[in-house]
Amino acid sequence: MRNLPSVDRVLAHPAVMEAASNAPRSTAVEAVRLAVEEARQAIKAGASGKSLSIDAIAYRACEIIGQVTLPSLKPAINASGVIIHTGLGRSVLAEEAVEALRRAASQHCTLEIDIETGRRGSRISHVANLLCKLTGAEAAAVVNNNAAAVMLAIGTIARGRDVLISRGELVEIGGRFRMPEVIEAAGCRLVEVGTTNRTRISDYEAAVTENTALILKVHPSNYWIVGFTEEVSIEELVELGRKARVPVMHDIGSGALIDMNQFGLKNEPMVQDSMRAGCDIAAFSGDKLLGSVQAGILVGRKDIIEECRRNPLARAFRVDKLTLAGLEATLRIMIEPNEALKKIPTLRYISRPADEIAELANKLAGRLKKTLGKEFDVSTEETASKVGGGSLPGQDIPSTAVVIRSKRMGAEEIAAFFRKHSTAIIGRVENEAFMLDMRTVESDEIDEIITRAQEI
């Protein structure tokens, strides 16, 4: 215990002085006291050696100072191979959307002012016409996420009555939110139709009663059923809905406005197709295949959308000016699909040419070999990226990864080292190697990866 450095000695350590340069002295003192106390408890537990040196205690104090003074939400380089990575904030915004956010955040804006009359207007007006133009819908509404959009719609249409849904579509999305629970929370009664793997139109017909208020079709998104299967198309459900005078809703989930088939990715429904089929209302996300901000979007019949807007829950789920600014800017880009593929990062990553990815991987691998030296083996390998975010499950996109192996450090240790940087570098561990999938890495991010590699 007598060998433990004093608080003042640790405060005078160069690393602590640098870490505390922009922090109140009280914060630095408290951090050092905690670090010294941790060392004292470690000695009581039988620890000894370098972990108790003044350098070790000082660096631990620096970590504590950083936890208090540095933002916990850090920038990251996504080399995970998952394009829409929920843990990394899903879609990166287009430059136009970022600028729209900056303008809306830094000054007043006409969020709910009708500039023609000077009276209060509707905040949704900034995006409603664009959504209708892009999807073919009569009207549109926006709330804070797709789960809220689904809950708002079914609660508005079917509260106190029956909602028909196939057993094969009773999904659970991230965060343990289950469709049956969403329906129940909306005040509706769930009526399961068909079986898990096979549901026919006759199953829906047999389930329709006077108490049926809504036929709901849910795109499975993050799983798929193969083998002996059968499902009912949205067109068939719309036809049944017309006969039974029951509205039909499609929870599309990812919300593609551009055909993914052109990239070799199949079975991702498009919002426009649901509207053309005559679907009464559809719900989808803003931050997945649309490549915009987090939002839940409802499009469909004007009378149903207006009813949803009048629901008290719409006020609870209301979006702010930043969401609307980012969404409007993205939708304006989407009007020209070819421009969208260039400007919206999510779509650019999905459509990124394989040779461009391989060239970037070779460039990074060459620089890493020089930086890391002989203790590390650096190579490139063909790999497979995924869209992520519950979109296009089970479908891979060919990519190239930079692969790092070392006898000095294990793969998990290397991954942790790159992750614990001021800009977190997120790869993945596979086959006892650390991999940097280059599909979602920008060329101007290579220097940051090299900077971190120099510190290994």
Protein backbone atom coordinates (compact mmCIF):
# COMPACT_ATOMS: atom_id res chain seq x y z
CA MET A 1 0.00 0.00 0.00
CA ARG A 2 2.89 2.35 0.80
CA ASN A 3 4.04 2.09 -2.82
CA LEU A 4 0.79 3.53 -4.15
CA PRO A 5 1.37 7.01 -5.63
CA SER A 6 -0.35 9.98 -4.06
CA VAL A 7 -3.24 11.74 -5.77
CA ASP A 8 -1.02 14.76 -6.48
CA ARG A 9 1.67 12.59 -8.14
CA VAL A 10 -0.91 11.01 -10.44
CA LEU A 11 -2.44 14.41 -11.23
CA ALA A 12 1.03 15.57 -12.31
CA HIS A 13 1.45 12.64 -14.71
CA PRO A 14 1.70 13.94 -18.33
CA ALA A 15 -1.10 11.68 -19.56
CA VAL A 16 -3.48 12.85 -16.84
CA MET A 17 -2.56 16.50 -17.40
CA GLU A 18 -3.36 16.14 -21.10
CA ALA A 19 -6.62 14.25 -20.50
CA ALA A 20 -7.72 16.82 -17.91
CA SER A 21 -6.76 19.88 -19.95
CA ASN A 22 -10.39 20.55 -20.93
CA ALA A 23 -12.00 19.18 -17.77
CA PRO A 24 -12.74 20.87 -14.43
CA ARG A 25 -10.05 20.17 -11.82
CA SER A 26 -12.66 18.56 -9.57
CA THR A 27 -13.37 15.99 -12.30
CA ALA A 28 -9.67 15.13 -12.63
CA VAL A 29 -9.20 14.85 -8.87
CA GLU A 30 -12.20 12.56 -8.50
CA ALA A 31 -11.00 10.39 -11.41
CA VAL A 32 -7.54 10.01 -9.89
CA ARG A 33 -8.99 9.16 -6.47
CA LEU A 34 -11.15 6.45 -8.07
CA ALA A 35 -8.15 5.05 -9.97
CA VAL A 36 -6.01 4.96 -6.83
CA GLU A 37 -8.82 3.33 -4.86
CA GLU A 38 -9.21 0.66 -7.57
CA ALA A 39 -5.49 -0.05 -7.26
CA ARG A 40 -5.81 -0.24 -3.46
CA GLN A 41 -8.63 -2.80 -3.77
CA ALA A 42 -6.58 -4.75 -6.32
CA ILE A 43 -3.70 -5.00 -3.82
CA LYS A 44 -6.09 -6.31 -1.17
CA ALA A 45 -7.19 -8.93 -3.68
CA GLY A 46 -3.57 -10.02 -4.19
CA ALA A 47 -2.62 -8.14 -7.36
CA SER A 48 0.89 -6.89 -8.00
CA GLY A 49 3.19 -5.76 -10.80
CA LYS A 50 2.74 -3.36 -13.71
CA SER A 51 -1.00 -3.01 -13.23
CA LEU A 52 -0.28 -1.07 -10.02
CA SER A 53 2.41 1.24 -11.39
CA ILE A 54 1.90 4.99 -11.55
CA ASP A 55 1.62 4.75 -15.33
CA ALA A 56 -1.15 2.13 -15.07
CA ILE A 57 -3.03 4.17 -12.47
CA ALA A 58 -2.63 7.34 -14.54
CA TYR A 59 -3.97 5.69 -17.69
CA ARG A 60 -6.92 4.32 -15.72
CA ALA A 61 -7.59 7.85 -14.44
CA CYS A 62 -7.49 9.06 -18.05
CA GLU A 63 -10.15 6.49 -18.97
CA ILE A 64 -12.38 7.71 -16.14
CA ILE A 65 -11.89 11.35 -17.18
CA GLY A 66 -12.79 10.42 -20.73
CA GLN A 67 -15.99 8.71 -19.61
CA VAL A 68 -17.09 11.96 -17.99
CA THR A 69 -15.85 14.54 -20.51
CA LEU A 70 -15.90 12.85 -23.90
CA PRO A 71 -19.10 12.15 -25.88
CA SER A 72 -20.19 8.53 -25.62
CA LEU A 73 -21.74 8.72 -29.08
CA LYS A 74 -18.60 8.48 -31.22
CA PRO A 75 -18.11 8.46 -34.98
CA ALA A 76 -17.49 5.02 -36.45
CA ILE A 77 -16.13 3.38 -39.56
CA ASN A 78 -18.44 0.58 -40.63
CA ALA A 79 -16.31 -2.31 -41.90
CA SER A 80 -18.65 -4.93 -40.47
CA GLY A 81 -20.12 -6.04 -43.78
CA VAL A 82 -23.62 -5.00 -42.68
CA ILE A 83 -24.83 -2.01 -44.69
CA ILE A 84 -27.83 -0.99 -42.57
CA HIS A 85 -26.32 -1.71 -39.16
CA THR A 86 -28.77 -0.88 -36.36
CA GLY A 87 -25.96 -0.73 -33.79
CA LEU A 88 -24.15 1.83 -35.94
CA GLY A 89 -27.19 4.06 -36.50
CA ARG A 90 -28.55 2.42 -39.67
CA SER A 91 -28.40 4.70 -42.74
CA VAL A 92 -25.77 7.36 -43.29
CA LEU A 93 -27.49 10.42 -44.72
CA ALA A 94 -26.88 12.04 -48.08
CA GLU A 95 -24.94 15.31 -47.97
CA GLU A 96 -28.09 17.20 -48.93
CA ALA A 97 -29.94 15.70 -45.97
CA VAL A 98 -27.08 16.55 -43.60
CA GLU A 99 -27.13 20.16 -44.80
CA ALA A 100 -30.93 20.30 -44.40
CA LEU A 101 -30.54 19.08 -40.81
CA ARG A 102 -27.87 21.69 -40.13
CA ARG A 103 -30.08 24.50 -41.44
CA ALA A 104 -33.12 23.33 -39.48
CA ALA A 105 -31.10 22.94 -36.28
CA SER A 106 -29.20 26.22 -36.47
CA GLN A 107 -32.06 28.63 -37.18
CA HIS A 108 -35.81 29.03 -37.05
CA CYS A 109 -37.77 27.42 -39.88
CA THR A 110 -41.30 27.33 -41.28
CA LEU A 111 -42.19 24.03 -39.61
CA GLU A 112 -45.89 24.77 -39.07
CA ILE A 113 -46.36 28.15 -40.73
CA ASP A 114 -48.27 28.53 -43.99
CA ILE A 115 -46.21 31.25 -45.67
CA GLU A 116 -49.11 32.19 -47.98
CA THR A 117 -51.62 32.90 -45.20
CA GLY A 118 -49.34 33.38 -42.20
CA ARG A 119 -51.49 30.94 -40.26
CA ARG A 120 -50.55 27.67 -38.64
CA GLY A 121 -50.07 24.89 -41.16
CA SER A 122 -49.28 21.17 -41.11
CA ARG A 123 -45.72 19.99 -40.50
CA ILE A 124 -46.37 16.88 -42.60
CA SER A 125 -47.02 19.08 -45.64
CA HIS A 126 -43.25 19.33 -46.18
CA VAL A 127 -43.08 15.65 -47.13
CA ALA A 128 -46.65 14.52 -47.91
CA ASN A 129 -46.70 15.55 -51.57
CA LEU A 130 -43.27 14.04 -52.18
CA LEU A 131 -44.34 10.72 -50.62
CA CYS A 132 -47.50 10.67 -52.72
CA LYS A 133 -45.53 11.43 -55.88
CA LEU A 134 -43.00 8.67 -55.18
CA THR A 135 -45.48 5.97 -54.07
CA GLY A 136 -48.67 6.76 -55.97
CA ALA A 137 -50.65 7.14 -52.75
CA GLU A 138 -53.49 9.60 -52.14
CA ALA A 139 -52.10 10.83 -48.82
CA ALA A 140 -49.25 10.31 -46.37
CA ALA A 141 -48.36 10.68 -42.70
CA VAL A 142 -45.07 10.43 -40.80
CA VAL A 143 -44.39 9.33 -37.21
CA ASN A 144 -41.22 8.50 -35.31
CA ASN A 145 -40.68 4.86 -36.40
CA ASN A 146 -42.39 2.04 -38.26
CA ALA A 147 -43.61 0.26 -35.11
CA ALA A 148 -45.41 3.49 -34.18
CA ALA A 149 -46.81 3.76 -37.71
CA VAL A 150 -48.23 0.23 -37.56
CA MET A 151 -49.66 0.72 -34.08
CA LEU A 152 -51.24 4.04 -35.05
CA ALA A 153 -52.82 2.63 -38.20
CA ILE A 154 -54.27 -0.57 -36.76
CA GLY A 155 -55.45 1.23 -33.63
CA THR A 156 -57.20 3.86 -35.75
CA ILE A 157 -58.84 1.40 -38.15
CA ALA A 158 -59.62 -1.57 -35.92
CA ARG A 159 -59.69 -0.57 -32.24
CA GLY A 160 -62.01 -2.93 -30.35
CA ARG A 161 -62.41 -5.20 -33.37
CA ASP A 162 -60.64 -8.03 -35.23
CA VAL A 163 -57.39 -7.89 -37.23
CA LEU A 164 -56.70 -10.86 -39.53
CA ILE A 165 -53.06 -11.89 -40.00
CA SER A 166 -51.32 -15.04 -41.25
CA ARG A 167 -49.61 -17.15 -38.58
CA GLY A 168 -46.48 -17.06 -40.73
CA GLU A 169 -46.37 -13.27 -40.39
CA LEU A 170 -46.54 -13.00 -36.58
CA VAL A 171 -43.02 -11.62 -36.47
CA GLU A 172 -40.81 -10.33 -33.69
CA ILE A 173 -38.64 -7.35 -34.61
CA GLY A 174 -35.57 -6.05 -32.80
CA GLY A 175 -35.88 -5.22 -29.12
CA ARG A 176 -38.39 -8.06 -28.53
CA PHE A 177 -41.33 -6.19 -30.04
CA ARG A 178 -43.79 -8.79 -31.26
CA MET A 179 -46.59 -8.18 -33.74
CA PRO A 180 -49.25 -9.87 -31.54
CA GLU A 181 -48.31 -7.54 -28.68
CA VAL A 182 -48.42 -4.47 -30.94
CA ILE A 183 -51.92 -5.45 -32.09
CA GLU A 184 -53.05 -6.02 -28.51
CA ALA A 185 -51.53 -2.71 -27.34
CA ALA A 186 -53.46 -0.95 -30.11
CA GLY A 187 -56.67 -2.24 -28.57
CA CYS A 188 -57.45 -4.77 -31.28
CA ARG A 189 -58.18 -8.50 -31.25
CA LEU A 190 -55.73 -10.68 -33.18
CA VAL A 191 -57.24 -13.41 -35.38
CA GLU A 192 -54.60 -15.85 -36.66
CA VAL A 193 -55.14 -17.21 -40.16
CA GLY A 194 -53.70 -20.33 -41.82
CA THR A 195 -50.54 -22.07 -40.59
CA THR A 196 -46.94 -21.03 -40.09
CA ASN A 197 -45.76 -22.29 -43.47
CA ARG A 198 -48.92 -22.27 -45.59
CA THR A 199 -51.74 -19.75 -45.74
CA ARG A 200 -54.32 -19.62 -48.56
CA ILE A 201 -56.89 -17.02 -49.55
CA SER A 202 -59.58 -19.47 -48.44
CA ASP A 203 -58.18 -19.22 -44.88
CA TYR A 204 -58.78 -15.48 -44.89
CA GLU A 205 -62.24 -15.88 -46.43
CA ALA A 206 -63.24 -18.32 -43.69
CA ALA A 207 -61.97 -15.96 -40.96
CA VAL A 208 -63.85 -12.83 -42.09
CA THR A 209 -66.78 -11.98 -39.83
CA GLU A 210 -68.93 -8.92 -39.08
CA ASN A 211 -66.35 -7.97 -36.45
CA THR A 212 -63.41 -7.99 -38.90
CA ALA A 213 -62.05 -4.46 -39.22
CA LEU A 214 -58.69 -5.00 -40.96
CA ILE A 215 -56.74 -7.53 -43.02
CA LEU A 216 -53.04 -7.08 -42.22
CA LYS A 217 -50.15 -8.42 -44.30
CA VAL A 218 -46.69 -8.19 -42.73
CA HIS A 219 -43.45 -8.59 -44.68
CA PRO A 220 -41.29 -10.96 -42.55
CA SER A 221 -38.19 -8.74 -43.11
CA ASN A 222 -35.59 -10.47 -40.92
CA TYR A 223 -36.41 -14.13 -41.60
CA TRP A 224 -37.74 -16.33 -44.36
CA ILE A 225 -39.55 -19.65 -44.63
CA VAL A 226 -38.44 -22.13 -47.31
CA GLY A 227 -39.66 -25.52 -48.45
CA PHE A 228 -43.33 -26.48 -48.38
CA THR A 229 -44.76 -22.95 -48.26
CA GLU A 230 -47.59 -20.84 -49.61
CA GLU A 231 -48.61 -17.26 -48.96
CA VAL A 232 -51.32 -14.94 -50.22
CA SER A 233 -50.32 -11.99 -52.39
CA ILE A 234 -51.32 -8.44 -51.58
CA GLU A 235 -53.38 -8.39 -54.79
CA GLU A 236 -55.47 -11.35 -53.63
CA LEU A 237 -55.99 -9.77 -50.22
CA VAL A 238 -57.09 -6.50 -51.79
CA GLU A 239 -59.64 -8.34 -53.91
CA LEU A 240 -61.01 -10.09 -50.81
CA GLY A 241 -61.04 -6.80 -48.91
CA ARG A 242 -63.12 -5.17 -51.62
CA LYS A 243 -65.65 -8.01 -51.56
CA ALA A 244 -65.88 -8.06 -47.77
CA ARG A 245 -65.64 -4.26 -47.44
CA VAL A 246 -62.65 -4.62 -45.13
CA PRO A 247 -59.56 -2.39 -45.54
CA VAL A 248 -56.22 -4.06 -46.27
CA MET A 249 -52.95 -2.89 -44.73
CA HIS A 250 -49.42 -3.85 -45.79
CA ASP A 251 -46.59 -3.50 -43.25
CA ILE A 252 -43.75 -3.43 -45.78
CA GLY A 253 -41.00 -2.83 -43.22
CA SER A 254 -37.87 -1.76 -45.08
CA GLY A 255 -39.71 0.38 -47.60
CA ALA A 256 -37.91 0.00 -50.91
CA LEU A 257 -38.72 2.72 -53.45
CA ILE A 258 -36.11 1.39 -55.90
CA ASP A 259 -36.28 -2.12 -57.34
CA MET A 260 -33.63 -4.25 -55.60
CA ASN A 261 -33.80 -6.94 -58.30
CA GLN A 262 -31.40 -4.90 -60.44
CA PHE A 263 -28.70 -5.63 -57.84
CA GLY A 264 -29.46 -9.36 -57.73
CA LEU A 265 -31.48 -8.99 -54.53
CA LYS A 266 -34.90 -10.61 -54.71
CA ASN A 267 -38.26 -10.64 -52.91
CA GLU A 268 -38.09 -7.15 -51.42
CA PRO A 269 -41.53 -5.57 -51.89
CA MET A 270 -41.77 -2.04 -53.24
CA VAL A 271 -44.15 0.50 -51.76
CA GLN A 272 -45.37 1.54 -55.21
CA ASP A 273 -46.45 -2.04 -55.96
CA SER A 274 -48.66 -2.12 -52.86
CA MET A 275 -50.31 1.13 -53.89
CA ARG A 276 -50.81 -0.08 -57.47
CA ALA A 277 -52.38 -3.26 -56.11
CA GLY A 278 -55.01 -1.12 -54.39
CA CYS A 279 -53.78 -1.54 -50.82
CA ASP A 280 -55.69 0.82 -48.51
CA ILE A 281 -52.71 1.72 -46.32
CA ALA A 282 -49.03 0.74 -46.12
CA ALA A 283 -46.35 1.35 -43.51
CA PHE A 284 -42.56 1.42 -43.90
CA SER A 285 -39.33 2.74 -42.35
CA GLY A 286 -37.43 5.86 -43.27
CA ASP A 287 -33.94 4.73 -42.21
CA LYS A 288 -33.64 1.42 -44.03
CA LEU A 289 -33.83 1.05 -47.82
CA LEU A 290 -35.01 4.63 -48.19
CA GLY A 291 -31.64 5.63 -46.70
CA SER A 292 -32.94 8.51 -44.62
CA VAL A 293 -33.69 9.41 -40.99
CA GLN A 294 -35.54 7.20 -38.52
CA ALA A 295 -39.24 7.57 -39.25
CA GLY A 296 -42.40 5.53 -39.71
CA ILE A 297 -44.22 6.40 -42.92
CA LEU A 298 -47.88 5.73 -43.70
CA VAL A 299 -49.22 6.05 -47.24
CA GLY A 300 -52.61 5.16 -48.70
CA ARG A 301 -56.23 6.25 -48.93
CA LYS A 302 -56.83 9.87 -47.99
CA ASP A 303 -59.75 9.17 -45.64
CA ILE A 304 -57.78 6.56 -43.66
CA ILE A 305 -54.63 8.68 -43.46
CA GLU A 306 -56.64 11.68 -42.28
CA GLU A 307 -58.27 9.53 -39.61
CA CYS A 308 -54.80 8.38 -38.47
CA ARG A 309 -53.66 12.00 -38.22
CA ARG A 310 -56.61 12.81 -35.95
CA ASN A 311 -55.83 9.93 -33.58
CA PRO A 312 -54.45 11.29 -30.25
CA LEU A 313 -51.53 8.84 -30.59
CA ALA A 314 -50.39 10.76 -33.68
CA ARG A 315 -49.46 13.62 -31.35
CA ALA A 316 -47.49 11.27 -29.11
CA PHE A 317 -45.66 9.84 -32.14
CA ARG A 318 -45.07 13.23 -33.80
CA VAL A 319 -41.75 13.89 -35.55
CA ASP A 320 -39.65 17.01 -35.07
CA LYS A 321 -38.21 19.51 -37.54
CA LEU A 322 -34.91 17.63 -37.85
CA THR A 323 -36.61 14.41 -38.93
CA LEU A 324 -38.73 16.25 -41.47
CA ALA A 325 -35.77 18.21 -42.82
CA GLY A 326 -33.69 15.07 -43.38
CA LEU A 327 -36.60 13.13 -44.82
CA GLU A 328 -37.65 15.89 -47.22
CA ALA A 329 -34.10 16.24 -48.58
CA THR A 330 -33.84 12.48 -49.11
CA LEU A 331 -37.21 12.25 -50.85
CA ARG A 332 -36.24 15.05 -53.25
CA ILE A 333 -33.18 13.03 -54.26
CA MET A 334 -35.34 9.90 -54.71
CA ILE A 335 -37.33 11.60 -57.46
CA GLU A 336 -34.41 10.80 -59.80
CA PRO A 337 -33.49 7.12 -59.10
CA ASN A 338 -30.12 7.32 -60.86
CA GLU A 339 -29.15 10.30 -58.70
CA ALA A 340 -30.37 8.46 -55.61
CA LEU A 341 -27.97 5.58 -56.31
CA LYS A 342 -25.09 8.06 -56.36
CA LYS A 343 -26.06 10.40 -53.52
CA ILE A 344 -27.78 8.26 -50.89
CA PRO A 345 -25.04 6.26 -49.13
CA THR A 346 -27.20 3.21 -48.31
CA LEU A 347 -28.20 2.77 -51.96
CA ARG A 348 -24.65 3.55 -53.12
CA TYR A 349 -23.25 0.83 -50.84
CA ILE A 350 -25.81 -1.71 -52.06
CA SER A 351 -25.03 -0.95 -55.71
CA ARG A 352 -21.26 -0.42 -55.28
CA PRO A 353 -19.29 -2.21 -58.03
CA ALA A 354 -17.21 -5.21 -56.92
CA ASP A 355 -14.06 -3.98 -58.66
CA GLU A 356 -14.22 -0.65 -56.80
CA ILE A 357 -14.43 -2.49 -53.47
CA ALA A 358 -11.54 -4.81 -54.39
CA GLU A 359 -9.36 -1.85 -55.42
CA LEU A 360 -10.03 -0.12 -52.10
CA ALA A 361 -9.27 -3.33 -50.18
CA ASN A 362 -5.94 -3.77 -51.98
CA LYS A 363 -5.01 -0.16 -51.23
CA LEU A 364 -5.71 -0.54 -47.51
CA ALA A 365 -4.03 -3.95 -47.31
CA GLY A 366 -0.83 -2.57 -48.88
CA ARG A 367 -0.63 0.28 -46.39
CA LEU A 368 -1.46 -1.98 -43.41
CA LYS A 369 1.33 -4.40 -44.35
CA LYS A 370 3.86 -1.57 -44.15
CA THR A 371 2.38 -0.19 -40.94
CA LEU A 372 1.87 -3.41 -38.95
CA GLY A 373 5.12 -5.11 -39.93
CA LYS A 374 6.10 -8.79 -39.82
CA GLU A 375 4.16 -9.68 -36.65
CA PHE A 376 0.92 -9.37 -38.58
CA ASP A 377 -0.28 -11.19 -41.68
CA VAL A 378 -2.42 -8.94 -43.89
CA SER A 379 -4.27 -10.18 -46.97
CA THR A 380 -7.47 -9.65 -48.93
CA GLU A 381 -10.25 -12.20 -49.33
CA GLU A 382 -13.54 -12.38 -51.15
CA THR A 383 -16.39 -12.23 -48.67
CA ALA A 384 -20.12 -11.48 -48.49
CA SER A 385 -21.86 -8.38 -47.16
CA LYS A 386 -25.45 -8.21 -45.96
CA VAL A 387 -28.00 -5.44 -46.30
CA GLY A 388 -29.04 -5.67 -42.63
CA GLY A 389 -31.70 -3.74 -40.75
CA GLY A 390 -34.15 -6.60 -41.30
CA SER A 391 -33.91 -6.13 -45.08
CA LEU A 392 -33.39 -8.96 -47.58
CA PRO A 393 -32.62 -11.74 -45.06
CA GLY A 394 -30.42 -14.60 -46.25
CA GLN A 395 -29.17 -12.73 -49.31
CA ASP A 396 -25.48 -11.99 -49.65
CA ILE A 397 -23.73 -9.32 -51.71
CA PRO A 398 -20.22 -10.22 -52.95
CA SER A 399 -17.53 -8.04 -51.38
CA THR A 400 -13.83 -7.92 -50.51
CA ALA A 401 -12.35 -7.77 -47.02
CA VAL A 402 -8.95 -6.92 -45.62
CA VAL A 403 -7.99 -9.80 -43.30
CA ILE A 404 -5.57 -9.37 -40.36
CA ARG A 405 -4.05 -12.28 -38.43
CA SER A 406 -1.31 -12.27 -35.80
CA LYS A 407 0.44 -14.70 -33.47
CA ARG A 408 1.01 -11.80 -31.09
CA MET A 409 -2.68 -10.89 -30.74
CA GLY A 410 -5.86 -12.89 -31.08
CA ALA A 411 -8.61 -11.86 -33.50
CA GLU A 412 -10.90 -10.64 -30.74
CA GLU A 413 -8.05 -8.63 -29.23
CA ILE A 414 -7.33 -6.98 -32.58
CA ALA A 415 -11.04 -6.23 -33.04
CA ALA A 416 -11.21 -4.62 -29.58
CA PHE A 417 -8.09 -2.55 -30.30
CA PHE A 418 -9.57 -1.04 -33.47
CA ARG A 419 -12.96 -0.60 -31.82
CA LYS A 420 -11.53 1.42 -28.89
CA HIS A 421 -10.43 4.39 -30.97
CA SER A 422 -11.69 7.97 -31.02
CA THR A 423 -13.35 6.92 -34.27
CA ALA A 424 -14.50 3.37 -33.58
CA ILE A 425 -13.41 1.02 -36.37
CA ILE A 426 -15.95 -1.79 -36.49
CA GLY A 427 -15.01 -4.96 -38.34
CA ARG A 428 -15.90 -8.56 -37.62
CA VAL A 429 -14.14 -11.69 -36.42
CA GLU A 430 -14.38 -14.69 -38.71
CA ASN A 431 -12.28 -17.86 -38.96
CA GLU A 432 -9.98 -16.62 -36.16
CA ALA A 433 -9.13 -13.46 -38.12
CA PHE A 434 -10.12 -9.80 -37.92
CA MET A 435 -11.85 -8.70 -41.11
CA LEU A 436 -12.54 -5.25 -42.52
CA ASP A 437 -15.30 -5.58 -45.14
CA MET A 438 -14.72 -2.69 -47.53
CA ARG A 439 -18.23 -2.38 -49.02
CA THR A 440 -19.21 0.41 -46.61
CA VAL A 441 -15.76 1.97 -46.10
CA GLU A 442 -15.11 5.30 -47.82
CA SER A 443 -11.72 6.02 -49.42
CA ASP A 444 -11.19 9.01 -47.11
CA GLU A 445 -11.56 6.71 -44.06
CA ILE A 446 -8.43 4.70 -44.87
CA ASP A 447 -6.12 7.26 -43.26
CA GLU A 448 -8.04 6.91 -39.96
CA ILE A 449 -7.61 3.13 -40.03
CA ILE A 450 -3.88 3.52 -40.65
CA THR A 451 -3.59 6.06 -37.83
CA ARG A 452 -5.04 3.53 -35.41
CA ALA A 453 -2.87 0.70 -36.80
CA GLN A 454 0.23 2.79 -36.06
CA GLU A 455 -0.66 2.66 -32.35
CA ILE A 456 -0.89 -1.14 -32.09
